[in-house]
C-alpha cells in the first residue's frame, strides 16, 4: 500500500469538491480526510469501503493498485 499513490488518487477523486463536503458526506472529520490526502494516515477498512462506495470505485482501485 503506497501512501503517496493513495493520497494522489484521493485528491484526484475529490476534484473540485471541498474537503469539508467529502468529509461530511463520509461522516468523518475534515482533519482525517486531510491526513488521508496528505499521506499521513491510511483509512481503516470500514472507511475505505465508504470512500470506495462514495466515489463508485472498488477498494482495490483506490487503495491497492
N, C-alpha and C. Protein backbone atom coordinates (compact mmCIF):
# COMPACT_ATOMS: atom_id res chain seq x y z
N UNK A 1 0.86 -1.19 0.00
CA UNK A 1 0.00 0.00 0.00
C UNK A 1 0.90 1.24 0.00
N UNK A 2 0.85 1.98 -1.08
CA UNK A 2 1.69 3.15 -1.26
C UNK A 2 0.92 4.40 -0.84
N UNK A 3 1.34 5.02 0.27
CA UNK A 3 0.62 6.19 0.79
C UNK A 3 0.60 7.34 -0.21
N UNK A 4 1.71 7.55 -0.93
CA UNK A 4 1.76 8.65 -1.89
C UNK A 4 0.76 8.44 -3.02
N UNK A 5 0.68 7.22 -3.53
CA UNK A 5 -0.26 6.94 -4.61
C UNK A 5 -1.70 7.09 -4.13
N UNK A 6 -1.98 6.58 -2.93
CA UNK A 6 -3.32 6.71 -2.36
C UNK A 6 -3.68 8.18 -2.21
N UNK A 7 -2.76 8.97 -1.69
CA UNK A 7 -3.06 10.39 -1.49
C UNK A 7 -3.34 11.08 -2.82
N UNK A 8 -2.56 10.78 -3.87
CA UNK A 8 -2.81 11.38 -5.18
C UNK A 8 -4.17 10.95 -5.72
N UNK A 9 -4.50 9.70 -5.53
CA UNK A 9 -5.79 9.18 -6.00
C UNK A 9 -6.94 9.88 -5.30
N UNK A 10 -6.85 10.05 -3.99
CA UNK A 10 -7.92 10.69 -3.24
C UNK A 10 -8.10 12.15 -3.64
N UNK A 11 -6.99 12.85 -3.85
CA UNK A 11 -7.07 14.25 -4.29
C UNK A 11 -7.74 14.31 -5.66
N UNK A 12 -7.35 13.41 -6.57
CA UNK A 12 -7.94 13.40 -7.91
C UNK A 12 -9.43 13.08 -7.85
N UNK A 13 -9.81 12.12 -7.02
CA UNK A 13 -11.22 11.76 -6.91
C UNK A 13 -12.05 12.91 -6.34
N UNK A 14 -11.49 13.65 -5.40
CA UNK A 14 -12.22 14.77 -4.79
C UNK A 14 -12.51 15.84 -5.83
N UNK A 15 -11.57 16.06 -6.75
CA UNK A 15 -11.78 17.05 -7.81
C UNK A 15 -12.04 18.44 -7.26
N UNK A 16 -13.13 19.05 -7.70
CA UNK A 16 -13.46 20.43 -7.31
C UNK A 16 -14.24 20.51 -6.00
N UNK A 17 -14.62 19.37 -5.45
CA UNK A 17 -15.36 19.40 -4.19
C UNK A 17 -14.43 19.77 -3.03
N UNK A 18 -15.00 20.36 -2.02
CA UNK A 18 -14.19 20.76 -0.86
C UNK A 18 -13.93 19.56 0.04
N UNK A 19 -12.85 19.66 0.79
CA UNK A 19 -12.56 18.62 1.78
C UNK A 19 -13.71 18.51 2.78
N UNK A 20 -14.29 19.65 3.12
CA UNK A 20 -15.40 19.67 4.09
C UNK A 20 -16.59 18.89 3.57
N UNK A 21 -16.91 19.07 2.28
CA UNK A 21 -18.03 18.36 1.67
C UNK A 21 -17.81 16.85 1.71
N UNK A 22 -16.62 16.43 1.29
CA UNK A 22 -16.32 14.99 1.26
C UNK A 22 -16.37 14.42 2.67
N UNK A 23 -15.72 15.08 3.61
CA UNK A 23 -15.69 14.58 4.99
C UNK A 23 -17.09 14.48 5.56
N UNK A 24 -17.92 15.49 5.33
CA UNK A 24 -19.29 15.49 5.82
C UNK A 24 -20.07 14.33 5.20
N UNK A 25 -19.94 14.16 3.89
CA UNK A 25 -20.66 13.09 3.20
C UNK A 25 -20.24 11.71 3.71
N UNK A 26 -18.97 11.57 4.07
CA UNK A 26 -18.46 10.28 4.53
C UNK A 26 -18.65 10.06 6.03
N UNK A 27 -19.00 11.14 6.75
CA UNK A 27 -19.17 11.03 8.20
C UNK A 27 -17.86 10.93 8.95
N UNK A 28 -16.83 11.60 8.40
CA UNK A 28 -15.53 11.63 9.07
C UNK A 28 -15.13 13.08 9.28
N UNK A 29 -14.09 13.31 10.06
CA UNK A 29 -13.64 14.69 10.29
C UNK A 29 -12.85 15.18 9.08
N UNK A 30 -12.84 16.50 8.92
CA UNK A 30 -12.07 17.11 7.85
C UNK A 30 -10.59 16.80 8.06
N UNK A 31 -10.15 16.81 9.32
CA UNK A 31 -8.73 16.53 9.59
C UNK A 31 -8.36 15.11 9.20
N UNK A 32 -9.27 14.16 9.38
CA UNK A 32 -8.99 12.78 8.97
C UNK A 32 -8.85 12.72 7.44
N UNK A 33 -9.79 13.33 6.72
CA UNK A 33 -9.70 13.34 5.25
C UNK A 33 -8.40 14.00 4.80
N UNK A 34 -8.05 15.10 5.45
CA UNK A 34 -6.83 15.82 5.09
C UNK A 34 -5.61 14.92 5.31
N UNK A 35 -5.59 14.16 6.39
CA UNK A 35 -4.47 13.25 6.64
C UNK A 35 -4.40 12.14 5.59
N UNK A 36 -5.56 11.66 5.14
CA UNK A 36 -5.57 10.65 4.07
C UNK A 36 -5.00 11.26 2.79
N UNK A 37 -5.44 12.49 2.47
CA UNK A 37 -4.96 13.14 1.25
C UNK A 37 -3.47 13.47 1.32
N UNK A 38 -2.99 13.76 2.51
CA UNK A 38 -1.58 14.12 2.66
C UNK A 38 -0.68 12.91 2.85
N UNK A 39 -1.27 11.73 2.88
CA UNK A 39 -0.47 10.52 3.04
C UNK A 39 0.03 10.29 4.46
N UNK A 40 -0.58 10.98 5.42
CA UNK A 40 -0.18 10.83 6.82
C UNK A 40 -0.84 9.63 7.48
N UNK A 41 -2.00 9.26 6.98
CA UNK A 41 -2.73 8.12 7.54
C UNK A 41 -3.40 7.34 6.42
N UNK A 42 -3.60 6.06 6.67
CA UNK A 42 -4.36 5.20 5.77
C UNK A 42 -5.69 4.94 6.48
N UNK A 43 -6.81 5.07 5.79
CA UNK A 43 -8.11 4.85 6.45
C UNK A 43 -8.27 3.41 6.93
N UNK A 44 -9.04 3.27 8.00
CA UNK A 44 -9.42 1.93 8.47
C UNK A 44 -10.26 1.26 7.39
N UNK A 45 -10.37 -0.05 7.46
CA UNK A 45 -11.06 -0.80 6.41
C UNK A 45 -12.50 -0.32 6.19
N UNK A 46 -13.23 -0.04 7.27
CA UNK A 46 -14.62 0.38 7.09
C UNK A 46 -14.70 1.74 6.40
N UNK A 47 -13.72 2.60 6.62
CA UNK A 47 -13.69 3.90 5.94
C UNK A 47 -13.28 3.72 4.48
N UNK A 48 -12.37 2.80 4.22
CA UNK A 48 -12.00 2.50 2.83
C UNK A 48 -13.24 2.10 2.03
N UNK A 49 -14.08 1.28 2.64
CA UNK A 49 -15.30 0.82 1.96
C UNK A 49 -16.23 2.00 1.69
N UNK A 50 -16.39 2.90 2.68
CA UNK A 50 -17.23 4.09 2.49
C UNK A 50 -16.70 4.97 1.37
N UNK A 51 -15.38 5.17 1.36
CA UNK A 51 -14.76 6.02 0.34
C UNK A 51 -14.98 5.41 -1.05
N UNK A 52 -14.74 4.13 -1.17
CA UNK A 52 -14.90 3.45 -2.46
C UNK A 52 -16.34 3.54 -2.94
N UNK A 53 -17.27 3.31 -2.05
CA UNK A 53 -18.68 3.38 -2.41
C UNK A 53 -19.06 4.79 -2.83
N UNK A 54 -18.60 5.77 -2.08
CA UNK A 54 -18.90 7.18 -2.36
C UNK A 54 -18.46 7.58 -3.77
N UNK A 55 -17.26 7.13 -4.14
CA UNK A 55 -16.72 7.50 -5.45
C UNK A 55 -17.04 6.47 -6.54
N UNK A 56 -17.87 5.48 -6.18
CA UNK A 56 -18.27 4.43 -7.13
C UNK A 56 -17.06 3.72 -7.75
N UNK A 57 -16.13 3.38 -6.87
CA UNK A 57 -14.92 2.64 -7.26
C UNK A 57 -14.81 1.43 -6.34
N UNK A 58 -13.92 0.51 -6.69
CA UNK A 58 -13.66 -0.59 -5.77
C UNK A 58 -12.56 -0.19 -4.79
N UNK A 59 -12.54 -0.83 -3.65
CA UNK A 59 -11.49 -0.58 -2.66
C UNK A 59 -10.13 -0.84 -3.32
N UNK A 60 -10.05 -1.88 -4.11
CA UNK A 60 -8.80 -2.24 -4.77
C UNK A 60 -8.32 -1.13 -5.70
N UNK A 61 -9.25 -0.53 -6.47
CA UNK A 61 -8.88 0.54 -7.40
C UNK A 61 -8.22 1.71 -6.68
N UNK A 62 -8.75 2.06 -5.53
CA UNK A 62 -8.27 3.24 -4.81
C UNK A 62 -7.04 2.92 -3.97
N UNK A 63 -7.06 1.80 -3.27
CA UNK A 63 -6.04 1.57 -2.26
C UNK A 63 -4.99 0.53 -2.60
N UNK A 64 -5.21 -0.30 -3.64
CA UNK A 64 -4.29 -1.40 -3.86
C UNK A 64 -3.74 -1.51 -5.28
N UNK A 65 -3.95 -0.51 -6.14
CA UNK A 65 -3.40 -0.61 -7.49
C UNK A 65 -2.29 0.39 -7.71
